[in-house]
């Protein structure tokens, strides 16, 4: 990860359940989840 050597910065992974404020952000997270699932299953 680009930031792994910077103290105090961490990577977190969000799911659809974590994002509730804006529909567009939910759709982006959903697209990433679908993409990762396709890669995992191929």
PDB file of N, CA and C in Angstrom:
ATOM      1  N   UNK A   1       0.835  -1.189   0.000  1.00  0.00           N
ATOM      2  CA  UNK A   1       0.000   0.000   0.000  1.00  0.00           C
ATOM      3  C   UNK A   1       0.875   1.245   0.000  1.00  0.00           C
ATOM      4  N   UNK A   2       0.405   2.255  -0.619  1.00  0.00           N
ATOM      5  CA  UNK A   2       1.140   3.509  -0.735  1.00  0.00           C
ATOM      6  C   UNK A   2       1.432   4.133   0.618  1.00  0.00           C
ATOM      7  N   UNK A   3       0.534   3.995   1.559  1.00  0.00           N
ATOM      8  CA  UNK A   3       0.658   4.679   2.842  1.00  0.00           C
ATOM      9  C   UNK A   3       1.105   3.777   3.990  1.00  0.00           C
ATOM     10  N   UNK A   4       1.490   2.547   3.720  1.00  0.00           N
ATOM     11  CA  UNK A   4       1.772   1.606   4.810  1.00  0.00           C
ATOM     12  C   UNK A   4       2.952   2.016   5.681  1.00  0.00           C
ATOM     13  N   UNK A   5       3.839   2.833   5.180  1.00  0.00           N
ATOM     14  CA  UNK A   5       4.998   3.253   5.977  1.00  0.00           C
ATOM     15  C   UNK A   5       4.768   4.557   6.734  1.00  0.00           C
ATOM     16  N   UNK A   6       3.603   5.153   6.586  1.00  0.00           N
ATOM     17  CA  UNK A   6       3.300   6.402   7.280  1.00  0.00           C
ATOM     18  C   UNK A   6       2.543   6.070   8.561  1.00  0.00           C
ATOM     19  N   UNK A   7       3.171   6.387   9.685  1.00  0.00           N
ATOM     20  CA  UNK A   7       2.572   6.088  10.983  1.00  0.00           C
ATOM     21  C   UNK A   7       1.265   6.861  11.151  1.00  0.00           C
ATOM     22  N   UNK A   8       0.238   6.172  11.586  1.00  0.00           N
ATOM     23  CA  UNK A   8      -1.044   6.815  11.844  1.00  0.00           C
ATOM     24  C   UNK A   8      -2.037   6.725  10.700  1.00  0.00           C
ATOM     25  N   UNK A   9      -1.591   6.228   9.548  1.00  0.00           N
ATOM     26  CA  UNK A   9      -2.506   6.067   8.417  1.00  0.00           C
ATOM     27  C   UNK A   9      -2.751   4.581   8.216  1.00  0.00           C
ATOM     28  N   UNK A  10      -4.004   4.215   8.131  1.00  0.00           N
ATOM     29  CA  UNK A  10      -4.373   2.826   7.921  1.00  0.00           C
ATOM     30  C   UNK A  10      -5.354   2.721   6.765  1.00  0.00           C
ATOM     31  N   UNK A  11      -5.416   1.550   6.172  1.00  0.00           N
ATOM     32  CA  UNK A  11      -6.389   1.271   5.131  1.00  0.00           C
ATOM     33  C   UNK A  11      -7.576   0.573   5.774  1.00  0.00           C
ATOM     34  N   UNK A  12      -8.767   1.040   5.457  1.00  0.00           N
ATOM     35  CA  UNK A  12      -9.974   0.373   5.921  1.00  0.00           C
ATOM     36  C   UNK A  12     -10.808   0.002   4.709  1.00  0.00           C
ATOM     37  N   UNK A  13     -11.539  -1.056   4.826  1.00  0.00           N
ATOM     38  CA  UNK A  13     -12.394  -1.512   3.745  1.00  0.00           C
ATOM     39  C   UNK A  13     -13.840  -1.354   4.172  1.00  0.00           C
ATOM     40  N   UNK A  14     -14.603  -0.654   3.361  1.00  0.00           N
ATOM     41  CA  UNK A  14     -16.007  -0.400   3.656  1.00  0.00           C
ATOM     42  C   UNK A  14     -16.887  -1.326   2.835  1.00  0.00           C
ATOM     43  N   UNK A  15     -18.050  -1.616   3.366  1.00  0.00           N
ATOM     44  CA  UNK A  15     -19.059  -2.355   2.623  1.00  0.00           C
ATOM     45  C   UNK A  15     -20.265  -1.445   2.436  1.00  0.00           C
ATOM     46  N   UNK A  16     -21.255  -1.937   1.733  1.00  0.00           N
ATOM     47  CA  UNK A  16     -22.475  -1.154   1.517  1.00  0.00           C
ATOM     48  C   UNK A  16     -23.108  -0.734   2.836  1.00  0.00           C
ATOM     49  N   UNK A  17     -23.017  -1.556   3.847  1.00  0.00           N
ATOM     50  CA  UNK A  17     -23.632  -1.254   5.143  1.00  0.00           C
ATOM     51  C   UNK A  17     -22.969  -0.067   5.839  1.00  0.00           C
ATOM     52  N   UNK A  18     -21.694   0.172   5.535  1.00  0.00           N
ATOM     53  CA  UNK A  18     -20.972   1.270   6.183  1.00  0.00           C
ATOM     54  C   UNK A  18     -21.322   2.631   5.597  1.00  0.00           C
ATOM     55  N   UNK A  19     -21.764   2.649   4.367  1.00  0.00           N
ATOM     56  CA  UNK A  19     -21.983   3.919   3.669  1.00  0.00           C
ATOM     57  C   UNK A  19     -23.481   4.148   3.518  1.00  0.00           C
ATOM     58  N   UNK A  20     -23.994   5.146   4.206  1.00  0.00           N
ATOM     59  CA  UNK A  20     -25.426   5.400   4.155  1.00  0.00           C
ATOM     60  C   UNK A  20     -25.762   6.842   3.787  1.00  0.00           C
ATOM     61  N   UNK A  21     -24.786   7.709   3.634  1.00  0.00           N
ATOM     62  CA  UNK A  21     -25.062   9.125   3.452  1.00  0.00           C
ATOM     63  C   UNK A  21     -25.483   9.512   2.040  1.00  0.00           C
ATOM     64  N   UNK A  22     -24.889   8.930   1.044  1.00  0.00           N
ATOM     65  CA  UNK A  22     -25.199   9.368  -0.313  1.00  0.00           C
ATOM     66  C   UNK A  22     -25.308   8.173  -1.247  1.00  0.00           C
ATOM     67  N   UNK A  23     -26.333   8.170  -2.065  1.00  0.00           N
ATOM     68  CA  UNK A  23     -26.589   7.062  -2.980  1.00  0.00           C
ATOM     69  C   UNK A  23     -25.411   6.806  -3.915  1.00  0.00           C
ATOM     70  N   UNK A  24     -24.762   7.849  -4.412  1.00  0.00           N
ATOM     71  CA  UNK A  24     -23.649   7.666  -5.348  1.00  0.00           C
ATOM     72  C   UNK A  24     -22.488   6.936  -4.672  1.00  0.00           C
ATOM     73  N   UNK A  25     -22.189   7.290  -3.446  1.00  0.00           N
ATOM     74  CA  UNK A  25     -21.110   6.618  -2.722  1.00  0.00           C
ATOM     75  C   UNK A  25     -21.458   5.154  -2.501  1.00  0.00           C
ATOM     76  N   UNK A  26     -22.705   4.864  -2.159  1.00  0.00           N
ATOM     77  CA  UNK A  26     -23.136   3.463  -1.998  1.00  0.00           C
ATOM     78  C   UNK A  26     -22.943   2.691  -3.293  1.00  0.00           C
ATOM     79  N   UNK A  27     -23.276   3.304  -4.420  1.00  0.00           N
ATOM     80  CA  UNK A  27     -23.136   2.635  -5.713  1.00  0.00           C
ATOM     81  C   UNK A  27     -21.671   2.375  -6.054  1.00  0.00           C
ATOM     82  N   UNK A  28     -20.792   3.307  -5.703  1.00  0.00           N
ATOM     83  CA  UNK A  28     -19.359   3.117  -5.948  1.00  0.00           C
ATOM     84  C   UNK A  28     -18.834   1.947  -5.120  1.00  0.00           C
ATOM     85  N   UNK A  29     -19.204   1.897  -3.849  1.00  0.00           N
ATOM     86  CA  UNK A  29     -18.771   0.799  -2.986  1.00  0.00           C
ATOM     87  C   UNK A  29     -19.306  -0.525  -3.519  1.00  0.00           C
ATOM     88  N   UNK A  30     -20.546  -0.538  -3.936  1.00  0.00           N
ATOM     89  CA  UNK A  30     -21.155  -1.753  -4.488  1.00  0.00           C
ATOM     90  C   UNK A  30     -20.412  -2.209  -5.744  1.00  0.00           C
ATOM     91  N   UNK A  31     -20.034  -1.271  -6.603  1.00  0.00           N
ATOM     92  CA  UNK A  31     -19.299  -1.606  -7.823  1.00  0.00           C
ATOM     93  C   UNK A  31     -17.949  -2.242  -7.487  1.00  0.00           C
ATOM     94  N   UNK A  32     -17.244  -1.685  -6.506  1.00  0.00           N
ATOM     95  CA  UNK A  32     -15.972  -2.272  -6.079  1.00  0.00           C
ATOM     96  C   UNK A  32     -16.178  -3.679  -5.530  1.00  0.00           C
ATOM     97  N   UNK A  33     -17.203  -3.874  -4.719  1.00  0.00           N
ATOM     98  CA  UNK A  33     -17.473  -5.199  -4.164  1.00  0.00           C
ATOM     99  C   UNK A  33     -17.770  -6.200  -5.269  1.00  0.00           C
ATOM    100  N   UNK A  34     -18.583  -5.816  -6.237  1.00  0.00           N
ATOM    101  CA  UNK A  34     -18.909  -6.706  -7.349  1.00  0.00           C
ATOM    102  C   UNK A  34     -17.667  -7.045  -8.160  1.00  0.00           C
ATOM    103  N   UNK A  35     -16.824  -6.061  -8.394  1.00  0.00           N
ATOM    104  CA  UNK A  35     -15.594  -6.271  -9.157  1.00  0.00           C
ATOM    105  C   UNK A  35     -14.670  -7.252  -8.428  1.00  0.00           C
ATOM    106  N   UNK A  36     -14.482  -7.054  -7.133  1.00  0.00           N
ATOM    107  CA  UNK A  36     -13.626  -7.949  -6.356  1.00  0.00           C
ATOM    108  C   UNK A  36     -14.186  -9.366  -6.323  1.00  0.00           C
ATOM    109  N   UNK A  37     -15.495  -9.492  -6.244  1.00  0.00           N
ATOM    110  CA  UNK A  37     -16.120 -10.818  -6.233  1.00  0.00           C
ATOM    111  C   UNK A  37     -15.898 -11.532  -7.567  1.00  0.00           C
ATOM    112  N   UNK A  38     -15.998 -10.800  -8.679  1.00  0.00           N
ATOM    113  CA  UNK A  38     -15.754 -11.397  -9.996  1.00  0.00           C
ATOM    114  C   UNK A  38     -14.320 -11.880 -10.119  1.00  0.00           C
ATOM    115  N   UNK A  39     -13.371 -11.086  -9.623  1.00  0.00           N
ATOM    116  CA  UNK A  39     -11.959 -11.480  -9.676  1.00  0.00           C
ATOM    117  C   UNK A  39     -11.737 -12.731  -8.829  1.00  0.00           C
ATOM    118  N   UNK A  40     -12.332 -12.750  -7.651  1.00  0.00           N
ATOM    119  CA  UNK A  40     -12.175 -13.880  -6.736  1.00  0.00           C
ATOM    120  C   UNK A  40     -12.735 -15.166  -7.345  1.00  0.00           C
ATOM    121  N   UNK A  41     -13.821 -15.058  -8.085  1.00  0.00           N
ATOM    122  CA  UNK A  41     -14.488 -16.237  -8.640  1.00  0.00           C
ATOM    123  C   UNK A  41     -13.987 -16.632 -10.021  1.00  0.00           C
ATOM    124  N   UNK A  42     -13.042 -15.899 -10.578  1.00  0.00           N
ATOM    125  CA  UNK A  42     -12.565 -16.255 -11.928  1.00  0.00           C
ATOM    126  C   UNK A  42     -11.313 -17.086 -11.887  1.00  0.00           C
TER     127      UNK A  42
END
